[in-house]
Amino acid sequence: MDTGQASVEMGFSVNKDLVVENESEQTLAARRIIKDHIIHFNGVTNVEITRNMVVGTRNARARYANYLAQQKKEQEAEKRNKKKKRRN
């Protein structure tokens, strides 16, 4: 196996360890970014916690709630469109 393939296959191995059933691509990508960052700093205890990280974490729940609300609106609009199409 050449070294180019080794890094790709190692990435698949890492993804396999991270993946959870029914997990979205976005969540997997975020988990992979976090794991890569921790590896880059040789362990979680060596990662510097910045003010931006703290603020981002505090705002994460509100952003997620907004995301869920937007998804719900889109699903409702899709249902309305399907009903309109059935009537026509």
C-alpha atoms as a PDB file:
ATOM      1  CA  MET A   1       0.000   0.000   0.000  1.00  0.00           C
ATOM      2  CA  ASP A   2       1.419   3.433  -0.883  1.00  0.00           C
ATOM      3  CA  THR A   3       1.515   6.191   1.743  1.00  0.00           C
ATOM      4  CA  GLY A   4      -1.220   8.193  -0.006  1.00  0.00           C
ATOM      5  CA  GLN A   5      -3.632   5.332   0.434  1.00  0.00           C
ATOM      6  CA  ALA A   6      -2.548   4.726   4.019  1.00  0.00           C
ATOM      7  CA  SER A   7      -3.743   8.165   5.143  1.00  0.00           C
ATOM      8  CA  VAL A   8      -7.071   7.710   3.337  1.00  0.00           C
ATOM      9  CA  GLU A   9      -7.611   4.275   4.881  1.00  0.00           C
ATOM     10  CA  MET A  10      -6.656   5.599   8.314  1.00  0.00           C
ATOM     11  CA  GLY A  11      -9.302   8.316   7.807  1.00  0.00           C
ATOM     12  CA  PHE A  12     -11.922   5.647   7.132  1.00  0.00           C
ATOM     13  CA  SER A  13     -10.857   3.889  10.310  1.00  0.00           C
ATOM     14  CA  VAL A  14     -11.224   7.092  12.324  1.00  0.00           C
ATOM     15  CA  ASN A  15     -14.645   7.753  10.767  1.00  0.00           C
ATOM     16  CA  LYS A  16     -15.745   4.224  11.668  1.00  0.00           C
ATOM     17  CA  ASP A  17     -14.793   4.868  15.295  1.00  0.00           C
ATOM     18  CA  LEU A  18     -16.685   8.176  15.328  1.00  0.00           C
ATOM     19  CA  VAL A  19     -19.860   7.278  13.464  1.00  0.00           C
ATOM     20  CA  VAL A  20     -23.080   6.753  15.379  1.00  0.00           C
ATOM     21  CA  GLU A  21     -26.163   5.144  13.866  1.00  0.00           C
ATOM     22  CA  ASN A  22     -28.467   7.671  12.143  1.00  0.00           C
ATOM     23  CA  GLU A  23     -25.893  10.425  12.463  1.00  0.00           C
ATOM     24  CA  SER A  24     -26.009  13.284   9.954  1.00  0.00           C
ATOM     25  CA  GLU A  25     -23.075  14.073   7.688  1.00  0.00           C
ATOM     26  CA  GLN A  26     -22.765  17.459   9.379  1.00  0.00           C
ATOM     27  CA  THR A  27     -22.405  15.873  12.800  1.00  0.00           C
ATOM     28  CA  LEU A  28     -19.832  13.367  11.564  1.00  0.00           C
ATOM     29  CA  ALA A  29     -17.830  16.156   9.920  1.00  0.00           C
ATOM     30  CA  ALA A  30     -17.920  18.225  13.122  1.00  0.00           C
ATOM     31  CA  ARG A  31     -16.828  15.267  15.240  1.00  0.00           C
ATOM     32  CA  ARG A  32     -13.992  14.563  12.786  1.00  0.00           C
ATOM     33  CA  ILE A  33     -12.805  18.186  12.936  1.00  0.00           C
ATOM     34  CA  ILE A  34     -12.767  18.054  16.734  1.00  0.00           C
ATOM     35  CA  LYS A  35     -10.878  14.749  16.791  1.00  0.00           C
ATOM     36  CA  ASP A  36      -8.313  16.025  14.254  1.00  0.00           C
ATOM     37  CA  HIS A  37      -7.822  19.191  16.315  1.00  0.00           C
ATOM     38  CA  ILE A  38      -7.238  17.182  19.489  1.00  0.00           C
ATOM     39  CA  ILE A  39      -4.760  14.918  17.677  1.00  0.00           C
ATOM     40  CA  HIS A  40      -2.956  18.002  16.307  1.00  0.00           C
ATOM     41  CA  PHE A  41      -2.398  19.214  19.880  1.00  0.00           C
ATOM     42  CA  ASN A  42      -1.345  15.769  21.158  1.00  0.00           C
ATOM     43  CA  GLY A  43      -4.302  15.298  23.481  1.00  0.00           C
ATOM     44  CA  VAL A  44      -7.324  17.067  24.837  1.00  0.00           C
ATOM     45  CA  THR A  45      -5.422  18.471  27.823  1.00  0.00           C
ATOM     46  CA  ASN A  46      -3.150  20.428  25.463  1.00  0.00           C
ATOM     47  CA  VAL A  47      -5.955  22.200  23.572  1.00  0.00           C
ATOM     48  CA  GLU A  48      -6.121  25.886  24.443  1.00  0.00           C
ATOM     49  CA  ILE A  49      -9.647  26.998  25.313  1.00  0.00           C
ATOM     50  CA  THR A  50     -10.126  30.400  23.691  1.00  0.00           C
ATOM     51  CA  ARG A  51     -12.787  33.013  24.353  1.00  0.00           C
ATOM     52  CA  ASN A  52     -14.249  32.361  20.879  1.00  0.00           C
ATOM     53  CA  MET A  53     -14.614  28.675  21.731  1.00  0.00           C
ATOM     54  CA  VAL A  54     -16.441  29.477  24.962  1.00  0.00           C
ATOM     55  CA  VAL A  55     -18.775  31.981  23.256  1.00  0.00           C
ATOM     56  CA  GLY A  56     -19.412  29.536  20.410  1.00  0.00           C
ATOM     57  CA  THR A  57     -20.285  26.794  22.856  1.00  0.00           C
ATOM     58  CA  ARG A  58     -22.639  29.030  24.800  1.00  0.00           C
ATOM     59  CA  ASN A  59     -24.466  29.961  21.602  1.00  0.00           C
ATOM     60  CA  ALA A  60     -24.587  26.413  20.211  1.00  0.00           C
ATOM     61  CA  ARG A  61     -27.902  25.463  21.804  1.00  0.00           C
ATOM     62  CA  ALA A  62     -29.660  28.572  20.458  1.00  0.00           C
ATOM     63  CA  ARG A  63     -28.247  27.945  16.970  1.00  0.00           C
ATOM     64  CA  TYR A  64     -29.437  24.328  17.138  1.00  0.00           C
ATOM     65  CA  ALA A  65     -32.918  25.411  18.232  1.00  0.00           C
ATOM     66  CA  ASN A  66     -33.037  27.853  15.300  1.00  0.00           C
ATOM     67  CA  TYR A  67     -31.909  25.092  12.959  1.00  0.00           C
ATOM     68  CA  LEU A  68     -34.657  22.769  14.202  1.00  0.00           C
ATOM     69  CA  ALA A  69     -37.274  25.513  13.840  1.00  0.00           C
ATOM     70  CA  GLN A  70     -36.130  26.179  10.271  1.00  0.00           C
ATOM     71  CA  GLN A  71     -36.278  22.458   9.442  1.00  0.00           C
ATOM     72  CA  LYS A  72     -39.816  22.281  10.823  1.00  0.00           C
ATOM     73  CA  LYS A  73     -40.897  25.283   8.724  1.00  0.00           C
ATOM     74  CA  GLU A  74     -39.407  23.707   5.595  1.00  0.00           C
ATOM     75  CA  GLN A  75     -41.161  20.393   6.259  1.00  0.00           C
ATOM     76  CA  GLU A  76     -44.494  22.137   6.825  1.00  0.00           C
ATOM     77  CA  ALA A  77     -44.069  24.139   3.613  1.00  0.00           C
ATOM     78  CA  GLU A  78     -43.255  20.931   1.750  1.00  0.00           C
ATOM     79  CA  LYS A  79     -46.418  19.277   3.108  1.00  0.00           C
ATOM     80  CA  ARG A  80     -48.522  22.270   2.022  1.00  0.00           C
ATOM     81  CA  ASN A  81     -47.002  22.132  -1.464  1.00  0.00           C
ATOM     82  CA  LYS A  82     -47.786  18.413  -1.754  1.00  0.00           C
ATOM     83  CA  LYS A  83     -51.404  19.031  -0.716  1.00  0.00           C
ATOM     84  CA  LYS A  84     -51.716  21.807  -3.323  1.00  0.00           C
ATOM     85  CA  LYS A  85     -50.336  19.535  -6.022  1.00  0.00           C
ATOM     86  CA  ARG A  86     -52.837  16.803  -5.104  1.00  0.00           C
ATOM     87  CA  ARG A  87     -55.741  19.215  -5.402  1.00  0.00           C
ATOM     88  CA  ASN A  88     -54.687  20.368  -8.868  1.00  0.00           C
END
